[in-house]
């Protein structure tokens, strides 16, 4: 599958952004879609995931209660709604796809990645 992330930008602390991940080239409803982010000088880290067989997303502790992952099977798109943004949320955000439903909070669980979209949160 191919993934295209979009929606990044510059926002002040406390603000909101909504990222989108458009998926093509596969059966979208059978794919788990995860969001990861990589801050400057740091490793890429898990943010959230929507599994193809489970309506309830999972989140990293650092974003729980602030970020929401949702999927639109009719539009082959997954969204990441980010509220109450903090400067430490500044990173390139990536979406990734897999047929797996386990090991989906680590990079190794995914075979297809989008190009990333930059989110910058100013203090």
C-alpha atoms as a PDB file:
ATOM      1  CA  UNK A   1       0.000   0.000   0.000  1.00  0.00           C
ATOM      2  CA  UNK A   2       0.953   3.644  -0.394  1.00  0.00           C
ATOM      3  CA  UNK A   3       0.381   6.266   2.287  1.00  0.00           C
ATOM      4  CA  UNK A   4       0.272  10.064   2.067  1.00  0.00           C
ATOM      5  CA  UNK A   5       0.309  12.077   5.281  1.00  0.00           C
ATOM      6  CA  UNK A   6      -0.818  15.690   5.321  1.00  0.00           C
ATOM      7  CA  UNK A   7      -2.051  18.452   7.594  1.00  0.00           C
ATOM      8  CA  UNK A   8       1.083  19.444   9.456  1.00  0.00           C
ATOM      9  CA  UNK A   9       1.989  23.031  10.168  1.00  0.00           C
ATOM     10  CA  UNK A  10       2.878  25.622  12.787  1.00  0.00           C
ATOM     11  CA  UNK A  11       0.604  26.075  15.786  1.00  0.00           C
ATOM     12  CA  UNK A  12       0.857  27.761  19.163  1.00  0.00           C
ATOM     13  CA  UNK A  13       0.937  25.748  22.360  1.00  0.00           C
ATOM     14  CA  UNK A  14      -2.582  24.810  23.400  1.00  0.00           C
ATOM     15  CA  UNK A  15      -3.796  24.765  19.815  1.00  0.00           C
ATOM     16  CA  UNK A  16      -5.032  21.956  17.607  1.00  0.00           C
ATOM     17  CA  UNK A  17      -4.147  20.305  14.310  1.00  0.00           C
ATOM     18  CA  UNK A  18      -5.709  17.453  12.369  1.00  0.00           C
ATOM     19  CA  UNK A  19      -3.469  15.192  10.350  1.00  0.00           C
ATOM     20  CA  UNK A  20      -4.737  12.928   7.608  1.00  0.00           C
ATOM     21  CA  UNK A  21      -3.305   9.752   6.112  1.00  0.00           C
ATOM     22  CA  UNK A  22      -4.650   8.767   2.706  1.00  0.00           C
ATOM     23  CA  UNK A  23      -4.127   5.082   1.908  1.00  0.00           C
ATOM     24  CA  UNK A  24      -4.164   3.564  -1.553  1.00  0.00           C
ATOM     25  CA  UNK A  25      -3.200   0.355  -3.294  1.00  0.00           C
ATOM     26  CA  UNK A  26      -4.672  -2.139  -0.856  1.00  0.00           C
ATOM     27  CA  UNK A  27      -7.789  -3.215   0.977  1.00  0.00           C
ATOM     28  CA  UNK A  28      -7.968  -0.384   3.476  1.00  0.00           C
ATOM     29  CA  UNK A  29     -10.434  -2.055   5.823  1.00  0.00           C
ATOM     30  CA  UNK A  30      -7.977  -4.930   6.359  1.00  0.00           C
ATOM     31  CA  UNK A  31      -5.052  -2.712   7.351  1.00  0.00           C
ATOM     32  CA  UNK A  32      -3.943  -1.503  10.728  1.00  0.00           C
ATOM     33  CA  UNK A  33      -2.797   2.122  10.492  1.00  0.00           C
ATOM     34  CA  UNK A  34      -0.376   3.555  12.999  1.00  0.00           C
ATOM     35  CA  UNK A  35       0.925   7.042  13.687  1.00  0.00           C
ATOM     36  CA  UNK A  36       4.513   7.648  14.756  1.00  0.00           C
ATOM     37  CA  UNK A  37       6.591  10.778  15.222  1.00  0.00           C
ATOM     38  CA  UNK A  38      10.260  11.688  15.209  1.00  0.00           C
ATOM     39  CA  UNK A  39      11.543  14.776  16.978  1.00  0.00           C
ATOM     40  CA  UNK A  40      14.886  16.307  15.966  1.00  0.00           C
ATOM     41  CA  UNK A  41      17.748  14.178  17.228  1.00  0.00           C
ATOM     42  CA  UNK A  42      15.460  11.500  18.640  1.00  0.00           C
ATOM     43  CA  UNK A  43      14.204   8.087  17.604  1.00  0.00           C
ATOM     44  CA  UNK A  44      10.861   7.589  15.921  1.00  0.00           C
ATOM     45  CA  UNK A  45       8.211   6.838  18.527  1.00  0.00           C
ATOM     46  CA  UNK A  46       4.702   5.414  18.587  1.00  0.00           C
ATOM     47  CA  UNK A  47       1.770   7.857  18.864  1.00  0.00           C
ATOM     48  CA  UNK A  48      -1.441   5.941  18.181  1.00  0.00           C
ATOM     49  CA  UNK A  49      -2.959   3.103  16.174  1.00  0.00           C
ATOM     50  CA  UNK A  50      -6.248   1.915  14.761  1.00  0.00           C
ATOM     51  CA  UNK A  51      -6.346  -1.842  14.222  1.00  0.00           C
ATOM     52  CA  UNK A  52      -8.429  -3.180  11.351  1.00  0.00           C
ATOM     53  CA  UNK A  53     -10.282  -5.620  13.635  1.00  0.00           C
ATOM     54  CA  UNK A  54     -10.875  -3.315  16.610  1.00  0.00           C
ATOM     55  CA  UNK A  55     -12.803  -0.041  16.763  1.00  0.00           C
ATOM     56  CA  UNK A  56     -10.927   1.152  19.854  1.00  0.00           C
ATOM     57  CA  UNK A  57      -7.627   2.912  19.083  1.00  0.00           C
ATOM     58  CA  UNK A  58      -4.554   2.686  21.306  1.00  0.00           C
ATOM     59  CA  UNK A  59      -2.293   5.592  22.270  1.00  0.00           C
ATOM     60  CA  UNK A  60       1.076   6.379  23.739  1.00  0.00           C
ATOM     61  CA  UNK A  61       0.833   7.648  27.305  1.00  0.00           C
ATOM     62  CA  UNK A  62       2.307  10.989  26.261  1.00  0.00           C
ATOM     63  CA  UNK A  63      -0.686  11.795  24.020  1.00  0.00           C
ATOM     64  CA  UNK A  64      -3.514   9.934  25.737  1.00  0.00           C
ATOM     65  CA  UNK A  65      -6.460  12.254  26.382  1.00  0.00           C
ATOM     66  CA  UNK A  66      -5.173  14.840  23.887  1.00  0.00           C
ATOM     67  CA  UNK A  67      -4.946  12.953  20.581  1.00  0.00           C
ATOM     68  CA  UNK A  68      -7.632  10.936  18.806  1.00  0.00           C
ATOM     69  CA  UNK A  69      -7.174   8.467  15.961  1.00  0.00           C
ATOM     70  CA  UNK A  70     -10.145   7.835  13.698  1.00  0.00           C
ATOM     71  CA  UNK A  71     -10.590   5.948  10.452  1.00  0.00           C
ATOM     72  CA  UNK A  72     -12.957   6.504   7.553  1.00  0.00           C
ATOM     73  CA  UNK A  73     -13.212   3.231   5.650  1.00  0.00           C
ATOM     74  CA  UNK A  74     -15.343   4.870   2.950  1.00  0.00           C
ATOM     75  CA  UNK A  75     -12.564   7.375   2.148  1.00  0.00           C
ATOM     76  CA  UNK A  76      -9.557   5.122   2.869  1.00  0.00           C
ATOM     77  CA  UNK A  77      -8.304   7.740   5.295  1.00  0.00           C
ATOM     78  CA  UNK A  78      -7.130   7.815   8.895  1.00  0.00           C
ATOM     79  CA  UNK A  79      -7.058  11.027  10.897  1.00  0.00           C
ATOM     80  CA  UNK A  80      -5.018  12.096  13.898  1.00  0.00           C
ATOM     81  CA  UNK A  81      -6.771  14.894  15.786  1.00  0.00           C
ATOM     82  CA  UNK A  82      -4.265  16.619  18.048  1.00  0.00           C
ATOM     83  CA  UNK A  83      -5.549  18.923  20.782  1.00  0.00           C
ATOM     84  CA  UNK A  84      -3.831  20.793  23.616  1.00  0.00           C
ATOM     85  CA  UNK A  85      -0.584  20.699  21.704  1.00  0.00           C
ATOM     86  CA  UNK A  86       2.684  21.207  23.553  1.00  0.00           C
ATOM     87  CA  UNK A  87       6.121  22.274  22.299  1.00  0.00           C
ATOM     88  CA  UNK A  88       7.331  18.717  22.957  1.00  0.00           C
ATOM     89  CA  UNK A  89       4.866  17.488  20.320  1.00  0.00           C
ATOM     90  CA  UNK A  90       7.060  19.125  17.678  1.00  0.00           C
ATOM     91  CA  UNK A  91       8.122  16.365  15.292  1.00  0.00           C
ATOM     92  CA  UNK A  92       7.718  14.879  11.861  1.00  0.00           C
ATOM     93  CA  UNK A  93       4.607  12.713  12.060  1.00  0.00           C
ATOM     94  CA  UNK A  94       4.354   9.554   9.984  1.00  0.00           C
ATOM     95  CA  UNK A  95       1.558   7.113   9.220  1.00  0.00           C
ATOM     96  CA  UNK A  96       2.263   3.463   8.513  1.00  0.00           C
ATOM     97  CA  UNK A  97       0.283   0.409   7.456  1.00  0.00           C
ATOM     98  CA  UNK A  98       0.335  -3.293   8.271  1.00  0.00           C
ATOM     99  CA  UNK A  99      -1.928  -6.329   8.171  1.00  0.00           C
ATOM    100  CA  UNK A 100      -0.790  -7.154  11.724  1.00  0.00           C
ATOM    101  CA  UNK A 101      -2.883  -6.665  14.839  1.00  0.00           C
ATOM    102  CA  UNK A 102      -0.039  -7.399  17.264  1.00  0.00           C
ATOM    103  CA  UNK A 103       3.311  -5.592  17.668  1.00  0.00           C
ATOM    104  CA  UNK A 104       1.698  -2.497  16.178  1.00  0.00           C
ATOM    105  CA  UNK A 105       3.145  -0.039  18.691  1.00  0.00           C
ATOM    106  CA  UNK A 106       6.663  -0.521  17.336  1.00  0.00           C
ATOM    107  CA  UNK A 107       8.188   0.370  13.977  1.00  0.00           C
ATOM    108  CA  UNK A 108       9.074  -3.235  13.171  1.00  0.00           C
ATOM    109  CA  UNK A 109       5.402  -4.112  12.981  1.00  0.00           C
ATOM    110  CA  UNK A 110       4.932  -2.066   9.801  1.00  0.00           C
ATOM    111  CA  UNK A 111       5.932  -2.603   6.206  1.00  0.00           C
ATOM    112  CA  UNK A 112       4.621   0.528   4.511  1.00  0.00           C
ATOM    113  CA  UNK A 113       5.290   4.141   5.512  1.00  0.00           C
ATOM    114  CA  UNK A 114       4.186   7.560   4.342  1.00  0.00           C
ATOM    115  CA  UNK A 115       6.582  10.444   3.798  1.00  0.00           C
ATOM    116  CA  UNK A 116       5.838  12.335   7.021  1.00  0.00           C
ATOM    117  CA  UNK A 117       4.373  15.741   7.798  1.00  0.00           C
ATOM    118  CA  UNK A 118       5.995  18.286  10.097  1.00  0.00           C
ATOM    119  CA  UNK A 119       4.180  19.589  13.157  1.00  0.00           C
ATOM    120  CA  UNK A 120       5.771  22.544  14.933  1.00  0.00           C
ATOM    121  CA  UNK A 121       4.357  23.793  18.225  1.00  0.00           C
ATOM    122  CA  UNK A 122       5.593  27.161  19.430  1.00  0.00           C
ATOM    123  CA  UNK A 123       5.637  28.160  23.089  1.00  0.00           C
END
